[in-house]
Amino acid sequence: MVSQRIIGDHTVYLCDECGFGYSNPETAQECQDYCSTHNACSFEITVNAIYRPQNSRAV
């Protein structure tokens, strides 16, 4: 399950593994599944992020 947070005027769905945020919960869940399975981020997924944490582990 992903986290939901209000950042500015937007609802952002966060991957609980890496902290990247997305505009929809499905993409955040896809990111979280990938991160937990591979212990790394997927560039193909994170390129869609609307919020990026300071200390990301994106590839």
PDB file of N, CA and C in Angstrom:
ATOM      1  N   MET A   1       0.840  -1.177   0.000  1.00  0.00           N
ATOM      2  CA  MET A   1       0.000   0.000   0.000  1.00  0.00           C
ATOM      3  C   MET A   1       0.888   1.244   0.000  1.00  0.00           C
ATOM      4  N   VAL A   2       0.558   2.193  -0.803  1.00  0.00           N
ATOM      5  CA  VAL A   2       1.329   3.428  -0.930  1.00  0.00           C
ATOM      6  C   VAL A   2       0.761   4.499  -0.009  1.00  0.00           C
ATOM      7  N   SER A   3       1.560   5.514   0.250  1.00  0.00           N
ATOM      8  CA  SER A   3       1.122   6.624   1.080  1.00  0.00           C
ATOM      9  C   SER A   3       0.545   7.735   0.214  1.00  0.00           C
ATOM     10  N   GLN A   4      -0.356   8.482   0.797  1.00  0.00           N
ATOM     11  CA  GLN A   4      -0.962   9.626   0.111  1.00  0.00           C
ATOM     12  C   GLN A   4      -0.619  10.876   0.898  1.00  0.00           C
ATOM     13  N   ARG A   5      -0.183  11.928   0.187  1.00  0.00           N
ATOM     14  CA  ARG A   5       0.199  13.163   0.853  1.00  0.00           C
ATOM     15  C   ARG A   5      -0.214  14.344  -0.027  1.00  0.00           C
ATOM     16  N   ILE A   6      -0.571  15.428   0.614  1.00  0.00           N
ATOM     17  CA  ILE A   6      -0.859  16.675  -0.100  1.00  0.00           C
ATOM     18  C   ILE A   6       0.442  17.470  -0.141  1.00  0.00           C
ATOM     19  N   ILE A   7       0.906  17.783  -1.348  1.00  0.00           N
ATOM     20  CA  ILE A   7       2.101  18.598  -1.533  1.00  0.00           C
ATOM     21  C   ILE A   7       1.692  19.754  -2.427  1.00  0.00           C
ATOM     22  N   GLY A   8       1.721  20.940  -1.849  1.00  0.00           N
ATOM     23  CA  GLY A   8       1.233  22.110  -2.578  1.00  0.00           C
ATOM     24  C   GLY A   8      -0.263  21.968  -2.809  1.00  0.00           C
ATOM     25  N   ASP A   9      -0.681  22.051  -4.054  1.00  0.00           N
ATOM     26  CA  ASP A   9      -2.091  21.923  -4.421  1.00  0.00           C
ATOM     27  C   ASP A   9      -2.451  20.516  -4.889  1.00  0.00           C
ATOM     28  N   HIS A  10      -1.499  19.582  -4.838  1.00  0.00           N
ATOM     29  CA  HIS A  10      -1.696  18.277  -5.462  1.00  0.00           C
ATOM     30  C   HIS A  10      -1.710  17.141  -4.446  1.00  0.00           C
ATOM     31  N   THR A  11      -2.525  16.151  -4.728  1.00  0.00           N
ATOM     32  CA  THR A  11      -2.460  14.896  -3.992  1.00  0.00           C
ATOM     33  C   THR A  11      -1.390  14.060  -4.670  1.00  0.00           C
ATOM     34  N   VAL A  12      -0.418  13.599  -3.888  1.00  0.00           N
ATOM     35  CA  VAL A  12       0.692  12.821  -4.418  1.00  0.00           C
ATOM     36  C   VAL A  12       0.668  11.461  -3.732  1.00  0.00           C
ATOM     37  N   TYR A  13       0.853  10.420  -4.524  1.00  0.00           N
ATOM     38  CA  TYR A  13       0.901   9.054  -4.020  1.00  0.00           C
ATOM     39  C   TYR A  13       2.361   8.631  -3.994  1.00  0.00           C
ATOM     40  N   LEU A  14       2.851   8.285  -2.807  1.00  0.00           N
ATOM     41  CA  LEU A  14       4.272   8.026  -2.605  1.00  0.00           C
ATOM     42  C   LEU A  14       4.581   6.546  -2.516  1.00  0.00           C
ATOM     43  N   CYS A  15       5.662   6.164  -3.177  1.00  0.00           N
ATOM     44  CA  CYS A  15       6.229   4.827  -2.998  1.00  0.00           C
ATOM     45  C   CYS A  15       6.854   4.809  -1.607  1.00  0.00           C
ATOM     46  N   ASP A  16       6.449   3.873  -0.773  1.00  0.00           N
ATOM     47  CA  ASP A  16       6.974   3.806   0.591  1.00  0.00           C
ATOM     48  C   ASP A  16       8.406   3.287   0.642  1.00  0.00           C
ATOM     49  N   GLU A  17       8.890   2.725  -0.458  1.00  0.00           N
ATOM     50  CA  GLU A  17      10.257   2.218  -0.504  1.00  0.00           C
ATOM     51  C   GLU A  17      11.272   3.320  -0.815  1.00  0.00           C
ATOM     52  N   CYS A  18      11.013   4.121  -1.846  1.00  0.00           N
ATOM     53  CA  CYS A  18      12.008   5.108  -2.291  1.00  0.00           C
ATOM     54  C   CYS A  18      11.569   6.553  -2.100  1.00  0.00           C
ATOM     55  N   GLY A  19      10.274   6.794  -1.909  1.00  0.00           N
ATOM     56  CA  GLY A  19       9.787   8.136  -1.675  1.00  0.00           C
ATOM     57  C   GLY A  19       9.390   8.923  -2.905  1.00  0.00           C
ATOM     58  N   PHE A  20       9.539   8.346  -4.097  1.00  0.00           N
ATOM     59  CA  PHE A  20       9.096   9.052  -5.292  1.00  0.00           C
ATOM     60  C   PHE A  20       7.578   9.165  -5.262  1.00  0.00           C
ATOM     61  N   GLY A  21       7.060  10.289  -5.794  1.00  0.00           N
ATOM     62  CA  GLY A  21       5.636  10.551  -5.767  1.00  0.00           C
ATOM     63  C   GLY A  21       5.036  10.591  -7.160  1.00  0.00           C
ATOM     64  N   TYR A  22       3.801  10.114  -7.266  1.00  0.00           N
ATOM     65  CA  TYR A  22       3.115   9.998  -8.548  1.00  0.00           C
ATOM     66  C   TYR A  22       1.712  10.580  -8.449  1.00  0.00           C
ATOM     67  N   SER A  23       1.158  10.914  -9.591  1.00  0.00           N
ATOM     68  CA  SER A  23      -0.174  11.524  -9.624  1.00  0.00           C
ATOM     69  C   SER A  23      -1.291  10.506  -9.461  1.00  0.00           C
ATOM     70  N   ASN A  24      -0.972   9.216  -9.556  1.00  0.00           N
ATOM     71  CA  ASN A  24      -2.006   8.191  -9.371  1.00  0.00           C
ATOM     72  C   ASN A  24      -1.451   7.038  -8.533  1.00  0.00           C
ATOM     73  N   PRO A  25      -2.311   6.380  -7.796  1.00  0.00           N
ATOM     74  CA  PRO A  25      -1.856   5.317  -6.892  1.00  0.00           C
ATOM     75  C   PRO A  25      -1.355   4.075  -7.624  1.00  0.00           C
ATOM     76  N   GLU A  26      -1.823   3.842  -8.839  1.00  0.00           N
ATOM     77  CA  GLU A  26      -1.398   2.659  -9.585  1.00  0.00           C
ATOM     78  C   GLU A  26       0.092   2.718  -9.923  1.00  0.00           C
ATOM     79  N   THR A  27       0.544   3.881 -10.367  1.00  0.00           N
ATOM     80  CA  THR A  27       1.963   4.032 -10.702  1.00  0.00           C
ATOM     81  C   THR A  27       2.824   3.961  -9.447  1.00  0.00           C
ATOM     82  N   ALA A  28       2.346   4.556  -8.359  1.00  0.00           N
ATOM     83  CA  ALA A  28       3.077   4.481  -7.090  1.00  0.00           C
ATOM     84  C   ALA A  28       3.190   3.034  -6.624  1.00  0.00           C
ATOM     85  N   GLN A  29       2.142   2.269  -6.794  1.00  0.00           N
ATOM     86  CA  GLN A  29       2.176   0.858  -6.405  1.00  0.00           C
ATOM     87  C   GLN A  29       3.129   0.071  -7.296  1.00  0.00           C
ATOM     88  N   GLU A  30       3.126   0.380  -8.583  1.00  0.00           N
ATOM     89  CA  GLU A  30       4.054  -0.268  -9.518  1.00  0.00           C
ATOM     90  C   GLU A  30       5.500   0.019  -9.105  1.00  0.00           C
ATOM     91  N   CYS A  31       5.773   1.263  -8.739  1.00  0.00           N
ATOM     92  CA  CYS A  31       7.097   1.658  -8.272  1.00  0.00           C
ATOM     93  C   CYS A  31       7.459   0.900  -6.998  1.00  0.00           C
ATOM     94  N   GLN A  32       6.552   0.859  -6.062  1.00  0.00           N
ATOM     95  CA  GLN A  32       6.808   0.181  -4.793  1.00  0.00           C
ATOM     96  C   GLN A  32       7.063  -1.304  -5.001  1.00  0.00           C
ATOM     97  N   ASP A  33       6.289  -1.941  -5.869  1.00  0.00           N
ATOM     98  CA  ASP A  33       6.491  -3.358  -6.160  1.00  0.00           C
ATOM     99  C   ASP A  33       7.869  -3.597  -6.766  1.00  0.00           C
ATOM    100  N   TYR A  34       8.246  -2.727  -7.714  1.00  0.00           N
ATOM    101  CA  TYR A  34       9.552  -2.865  -8.354  1.00  0.00           C
ATOM    102  C   TYR A  34      10.670  -2.663  -7.338  1.00  0.00           C
ATOM    103  N   CYS A  35      10.566  -1.600  -6.549  1.00  0.00           N
ATOM    104  CA  CYS A  35      11.602  -1.301  -5.555  1.00  0.00           C
ATOM    105  C   CYS A  35      11.784  -2.436  -4.555  1.00  0.00           C
ATOM    106  N   SER A  36      10.694  -2.975  -4.070  1.00  0.00           N
ATOM    107  CA  SER A  36      10.801  -4.025  -3.056  1.00  0.00           C
ATOM    108  C   SER A  36      11.311  -5.337  -3.643  1.00  0.00           C
ATOM    109  N   THR A  37      11.030  -5.585  -4.909  1.00  0.00           N
ATOM    110  CA  THR A  37      11.496  -6.807  -5.557  1.00  0.00           C
ATOM    111  C   THR A  37      12.966  -6.726  -5.951  1.00  0.00           C
ATOM    112  N   HIS A  38      13.379  -5.559  -6.492  1.00  0.00           N
ATOM    113  CA  HIS A  38      14.724  -5.418  -7.045  1.00  0.00           C
ATOM    114  C   HIS A  38      15.683  -4.623  -6.165  1.00  0.00           C
ATOM    115  N   ASN A  39      15.192  -4.082  -5.062  1.00  0.00           N
ATOM    116  CA  ASN A  39      15.992  -3.248  -4.162  1.00  0.00           C
ATOM    117  C   ASN A  39      16.661  -2.105  -4.919  1.00  0.00           C
ATOM    118  N   ALA A  40      15.949  -1.577  -5.891  1.00  0.00           N
ATOM    119  CA  ALA A  40      16.411  -0.448  -6.709  1.00  0.00           C
ATOM    120  C   ALA A  40      15.203   0.126  -7.425  1.00  0.00           C
ATOM    121  N   CYS A  41      15.359   1.345  -7.935  1.00  0.00           N
ATOM    122  CA  CYS A  41      14.281   1.987  -8.683  1.00  0.00           C
ATOM    123  C   CYS A  41      14.391   1.681 -10.170  1.00  0.00           C
ATOM    124  N   SER A  42      13.274   1.763 -10.839  1.00  0.00           N
ATOM    125  CA  SER A  42      13.216   1.595 -12.286  1.00  0.00           C
ATOM    126  C   SER A  42      13.147   2.971 -12.935  1.00  0.00           C
ATOM    127  N   PHE A  43      14.070   3.263 -13.843  1.00  0.00           N
ATOM    128  CA  PHE A  43      14.047   4.537 -14.545  1.00  0.00           C
ATOM    129  C   PHE A  43      12.751   4.685 -15.337  1.00  0.00           C
ATOM    130  N   GLU A  44      12.276   3.595 -15.924  1.00  0.00           N
ATOM    131  CA  GLU A  44      11.053   3.634 -16.719  1.00  0.00           C
ATOM    132  C   GLU A  44       9.840   4.054 -15.887  1.00  0.00           C
ATOM    133  N   ILE A  45       9.864   3.767 -14.609  1.00  0.00           N
ATOM    134  CA  ILE A  45       8.766   4.157 -13.722  1.00  0.00           C
ATOM    135  C   ILE A  45       9.010   5.550 -13.155  1.00  0.00           C
ATOM    136  N   THR A  46      10.201   5.780 -12.620  1.00  0.00           N
ATOM    137  CA  THR A  46      10.473   7.047 -11.931  1.00  0.00           C
ATOM    138  C   THR A  46      10.474   8.255 -12.863  1.00  0.00           C
ATOM    139  N   VAL A  47      10.623   8.039 -14.156  1.00  0.00           N
ATOM    140  CA  VAL A  47      10.561   9.156 -15.101  1.00  0.00           C
ATOM    141  C   VAL A  47       9.174   9.811 -15.056  1.00  0.00           C
ATOM    142  N   ASN A  48       8.174   9.095 -14.572  1.00  0.00           N
ATOM    143  CA  ASN A  48       6.811   9.610 -14.460  1.00  0.00           C
ATOM    144  C   ASN A  48       6.524  10.291 -13.129  1.00  0.00           C
ATOM    145  N   ALA A  49       7.508  10.344 -12.254  1.00  0.00           N
ATOM    146  CA  ALA A  49       7.311  10.919 -10.921  1.00  0.00           C
ATOM    147  C   ALA A  49       7.050  12.421 -11.005  1.00  0.00           C
ATOM    148  N   ILE A  50       6.131  12.875 -10.160  1.00  0.00           N
ATOM    149  CA  ILE A  50       5.869  14.310 -10.058  1.00  0.00           C
ATOM    150  C   ILE A  50       6.527  14.881  -8.801  1.00  0.00           C
ATOM    151  N   TYR A  51       7.057  13.998  -7.953  1.00  0.00           N
ATOM    152  CA  TYR A  51       7.774  14.416  -6.757  1.00  0.00           C
ATOM    153  C   TYR A  51       8.994  13.496  -6.624  1.00  0.00           C
ATOM    154  N   ARG A  52      10.146  14.086  -6.401  1.00  0.00           N
ATOM    155  CA  ARG A  52      11.374  13.333  -6.234  1.00  0.00           C
ATOM    156  C   ARG A  52      11.998  13.695  -4.896  1.00  0.00           C
ATOM    157  N   PRO A  53      12.309  12.701  -4.074  1.00  0.00           N
ATOM    158  CA  PRO A  53      12.919  12.977  -2.771  1.00  0.00           C
ATOM    159  C   PRO A  53      14.360  13.442  -2.933  1.00  0.00           C
ATOM    160  N   GLN A  54      14.893  14.084  -1.923  1.00  0.00           N
ATOM    161  CA  GLN A  54      16.276  14.577  -1.940  1.00  0.00           C
ATOM    162  C   GLN A  54      17.281  13.460  -2.146  1.00  0.00           C
ATOM    163  N   ASN A  55      17.144  12.390  -1.386  1.00  0.00           N
ATOM    164  CA  ASN A  55      18.109  11.283  -1.411  1.00  0.00           C
ATOM    165  C   ASN A  55      17.487  10.064  -2.066  1.00  0.00           C
ATOM    166  N   SER A  56      17.366  10.091  -3.368  1.00  0.00           N
ATOM    167  CA  SER A  56      16.756   8.955  -4.062  1.00  0.00           C
ATOM    168  C   SER A  56      17.813   7.938  -4.446  1.00  0.00           C
ATOM    169  N   ARG A  57      17.370   6.730  -4.723  1.00  0.00           N
ATOM    170  CA  ARG A  57      18.266   5.692  -5.169  1.00  0.00           C
ATOM    171  C   ARG A  57      17.940   5.279  -6.608  1.00  0.00           C
ATOM    172  N   ALA A  58      17.373   6.193  -7.348  1.00  0.00           N
ATOM    173  CA  ALA A  58      16.976   5.901  -8.731  1.00  0.00           C
ATOM    174  C   ALA A  58      18.177   5.555  -9.583  1.00  0.00           C
ATOM    175  N   VAL A  59      17.944   4.667 -10.509  1.00  0.00           N
ATOM    176  CA  VAL A  59      18.991   4.233 -11.429  1.00  0.00           C
ATOM    177  C   VAL A  59      18.906   5.047 -12.692  1.00  0.00           C
TER     178      VAL A  59
END
